[in-house]
Amino acid sequence: MLNNTIPLTGQIETVQQAKEFLLGITAEGYQKVLKPHFSSSAGAHMRHILDHYLALKDGIASGVVNYNKRNRHSNVESCITTALSKWAEVELWLEEVSQLDADLPINIICETSVNETQNTQTKSTLARELVFVSSHAIHHFSLLGVINSLLGNSSSTSFGIAPSTASYLRQQA
């Protein structure tokens, strides 16, 4: 990375998209499970996204990030205000962490099998994991956009769009 710094702009854009989504959905819509299309609510997706950011945040001090750590059934899943508060916490943390060495080594733990408990541990860097959590969030934003649509709401045209796709679309215009 240039000058070994962590670009903050894209990270903050991801936070802003989450906040905009949360401010545009009702409490009922946030908690509703739209079966058979989805097995979890918009709130559960938002909690899952935040779990990844918070696992990275918590793991930096020890050098070990455990993405298996989840806060299932927390208030983030059911309360938009709590989710907004957690995103504000993430935003402040991102501003702080952007000053750290992008190549800061981190060990990652995550499960890799759906048929059996199979944890994998691998080496990574702070910058790579920030790219991962942002990309992971955007992936779930696309699902949240579908949920929003099924609820009869609309999302911004860039919500859930990968940065590389946005660049491609700008080139086509």
Protein backbone atom coordinates (compact mmCIF):
# COMPACT_ATOMS: atom_id res chain seq x y z
CA MET A 1 0.00 0.00 0.00
CA LEU A 2 1.12 3.54 -0.68
CA ASN A 3 3.05 4.86 2.33
CA ASN A 4 1.83 1.84 4.31
CA THR A 5 -1.36 3.66 5.33
CA ILE A 6 -4.90 2.38 5.35
CA PRO A 7 -7.30 4.28 3.08
CA LEU A 8 -10.23 5.40 5.19
CA THR A 9 -12.65 6.72 2.56
CA GLY A 10 -13.99 3.37 1.34
CA GLN A 11 -14.32 2.09 4.90
CA ILE A 12 -16.37 5.12 5.93
CA GLU A 13 -18.53 4.75 2.80
CA THR A 14 -19.43 1.25 3.98
CA VAL A 15 -20.39 2.58 7.42
CA GLN A 16 -22.48 5.35 5.82
CA GLN A 17 -24.34 2.82 3.66
CA ALA A 18 -25.19 0.79 6.75
CA LYS A 19 -26.46 3.87 8.57
CA GLU A 20 -28.55 4.99 5.58
CA PHE A 21 -30.13 1.54 5.37
CA LEU A 22 -30.93 1.54 9.08
CA LEU A 23 -32.49 5.01 8.91
CA GLY A 24 -34.70 3.94 6.00
CA ILE A 25 -36.25 0.76 7.39
CA THR A 26 -39.01 0.39 9.95
CA ALA A 27 -38.52 -1.57 13.17
CA GLU A 28 -41.06 -4.10 11.93
CA GLY A 29 -39.27 -4.51 8.60
CA TYR A 30 -35.91 -4.80 10.36
CA GLN A 31 -37.14 -7.75 12.43
CA LYS A 32 -39.29 -9.52 9.82
CA VAL A 33 -38.12 -12.84 8.34
CA LEU A 34 -39.28 -13.04 4.72
CA LYS A 35 -39.73 -16.78 4.30
CA PRO A 36 -39.25 -18.69 2.03
CA HIS A 37 -36.74 -16.26 0.49
CA PHE A 38 -34.74 -15.66 3.67
CA SER A 39 -34.20 -17.58 6.89
CA SER A 40 -33.09 -14.52 8.85
CA SER A 41 -34.16 -10.91 9.25
CA ALA A 42 -32.47 -7.75 8.06
CA GLY A 43 -31.50 -7.25 11.70
CA ALA A 44 -29.77 -10.64 11.82
CA HIS A 45 -27.81 -9.76 8.66
CA MET A 46 -26.81 -6.40 10.16
CA ARG A 47 -25.72 -8.08 13.39
CA HIS A 48 -23.68 -10.60 11.40
CA ILE A 49 -21.90 -7.80 9.53
CA LEU A 50 -21.14 -5.96 12.76
CA ASP A 51 -19.90 -9.20 14.37
CA HIS A 52 -17.13 -9.32 11.78
CA TYR A 53 -16.09 -5.72 12.32
CA LEU A 54 -16.15 -6.14 16.09
CA ALA A 55 -14.19 -9.41 15.92
CA LEU A 56 -11.48 -7.58 13.99
CA LYS A 57 -11.58 -4.64 16.39
CA ASP A 58 -11.32 -6.91 19.44
CA GLY A 59 -8.61 -9.10 17.91
CA ILE A 60 -6.13 -6.40 17.00
CA ALA A 61 -4.82 -6.06 20.57
CA SER A 62 -4.10 -9.78 20.95
CA GLY A 63 -3.13 -10.34 17.32
CA VAL A 64 -5.79 -13.05 16.93
CA VAL A 65 -9.11 -12.38 15.22
CA ASN A 66 -11.77 -15.04 15.74
CA TYR A 67 -14.52 -14.58 13.17
CA ASN A 68 -16.43 -17.45 14.82
CA LYS A 69 -17.28 -15.16 17.72
CA ARG A 70 -20.87 -14.11 17.15
CA ASN A 71 -23.39 -12.14 19.17
CA ARG A 72 -26.48 -14.00 18.00
CA HIS A 73 -29.79 -12.72 19.35
CA SER A 74 -28.23 -9.48 20.61
CA ASN A 75 -30.16 -6.21 20.61
CA VAL A 76 -28.45 -5.30 17.32
CA GLU A 77 -30.75 -7.82 15.61
CA SER A 78 -33.93 -6.26 16.95
CA CYS A 79 -33.18 -2.60 17.64
CA ILE A 80 -32.23 -0.15 14.91
CA THR A 81 -30.97 2.36 17.51
CA THR A 82 -28.57 -0.23 18.96
CA ALA A 83 -27.31 -1.08 15.47
CA LEU A 84 -26.75 2.61 14.69
CA SER A 85 -24.83 2.95 17.94
CA LYS A 86 -22.59 -0.01 17.03
CA TRP A 87 -21.93 1.47 13.59
CA ALA A 88 -20.94 4.77 15.25
CA GLU A 89 -18.51 2.78 17.41
CA VAL A 90 -17.09 1.08 14.31
CA GLU A 91 -16.72 4.42 12.54
CA LEU A 92 -14.70 5.90 15.43
CA TRP A 93 -12.57 2.76 15.57
CA LEU A 94 -11.90 2.91 11.82
CA GLU A 95 -10.60 6.45 12.19
CA GLU A 96 -8.21 5.26 14.91
CA VAL A 97 -7.13 2.04 13.20
CA SER A 98 -6.41 3.80 9.92
CA GLN A 99 -3.35 5.29 11.65
CA LEU A 100 -1.86 1.83 12.32
CA ASP A 101 0.60 -0.03 10.13
CA ALA A 102 -1.33 -1.56 7.22
CA ASP A 103 0.98 -4.58 7.36
CA LEU A 104 0.31 -5.25 11.05
CA PRO A 105 0.32 -9.06 11.29
CA ILE A 106 -2.86 -10.74 12.50
CA ASN A 107 -3.79 -14.40 12.92
CA ILE A 108 -7.27 -15.28 11.73
CA ILE A 109 -9.49 -18.08 13.04
CA CYS A 110 -12.63 -19.08 11.16
CA GLU A 111 -14.69 -22.15 10.44
CA THR A 112 -14.43 -23.54 6.93
CA SER A 113 -16.90 -26.45 6.76
CA VAL A 114 -20.67 -26.66 7.05
CA ASN A 115 -20.63 -30.44 7.57
CA GLU A 116 -18.32 -30.55 10.58
CA THR A 117 -16.60 -28.20 12.98
CA GLN A 118 -13.39 -27.36 11.17
CA ASN A 119 -11.49 -24.29 12.30
CA THR A 120 -8.74 -22.87 10.17
CA GLN A 121 -6.07 -20.50 11.43
CA THR A 122 -4.14 -18.39 8.95
CA LYS A 123 -1.89 -15.34 8.88
CA SER A 124 -3.08 -12.04 7.50
CA THR A 125 -2.60 -8.30 7.87
CA LEU A 126 -4.71 -5.48 9.22
CA ALA A 127 -5.23 -3.97 5.77
CA ARG A 128 -6.29 -7.30 4.26
CA GLU A 129 -8.81 -7.90 7.03
CA LEU A 130 -10.25 -4.41 6.67
CA VAL A 131 -10.74 -5.16 2.98
CA PHE A 132 -12.41 -8.44 3.94
CA VAL A 133 -14.87 -7.00 6.48
CA SER A 134 -15.86 -4.21 4.11
CA SER A 135 -16.32 -6.61 1.19
CA HIS A 136 -18.28 -8.97 3.45
CA ALA A 137 -20.51 -6.06 4.51
CA ILE A 138 -21.18 -5.06 0.90
CA HIS A 139 -22.10 -8.67 0.07
CA HIS A 140 -24.68 -8.64 2.85
CA PHE A 141 -25.85 -5.17 1.84
CA SER A 142 -26.91 -6.67 -1.49
CA LEU A 143 -29.03 -9.18 0.44
CA LEU A 144 -30.41 -6.37 2.59
CA GLY A 145 -31.30 -4.51 -0.60
CA VAL A 146 -33.37 -7.50 -1.71
CA ILE A 147 -35.05 -7.68 1.71
CA ASN A 148 -35.80 -3.96 1.47
CA SER A 149 -37.28 -4.45 -1.99
CA LEU A 150 -39.47 -7.34 -0.81
CA LEU A 151 -40.71 -5.05 1.98
CA GLY A 152 -41.75 -2.52 -0.69
CA ASN A 153 -38.92 -0.10 0.06
CA SER A 154 -36.11 1.16 -2.12
CA SER A 155 -32.39 1.45 -1.45
CA SER A 156 -29.85 3.78 -3.01
CA THR A 157 -28.56 2.57 -6.37
CA SER A 158 -25.08 2.04 -4.92
CA PHE A 159 -26.24 0.01 -1.91
CA GLY A 160 -24.73 -3.47 -2.07
CA ILE A 161 -22.68 -2.72 -5.17
CA ALA A 162 -19.04 -3.80 -5.10
CA PRO A 163 -16.54 -0.95 -5.63
CA SER A 164 -15.14 -2.69 -8.73
CA THR A 165 -18.67 -2.96 -10.16
CA ALA A 166 -19.27 0.73 -9.45
CA SER A 167 -16.03 1.57 -11.31
CA TYR A 168 -17.12 -0.59 -14.24
CA LEU A 169 -20.53 1.11 -14.37
CA ARG A 170 -18.93 4.57 -14.31
CA GLN A 171 -16.70 3.55 -17.26
CA GLN A 172 -19.75 2.39 -19.20
CA ALA A 173 -21.63 5.67 -18.71
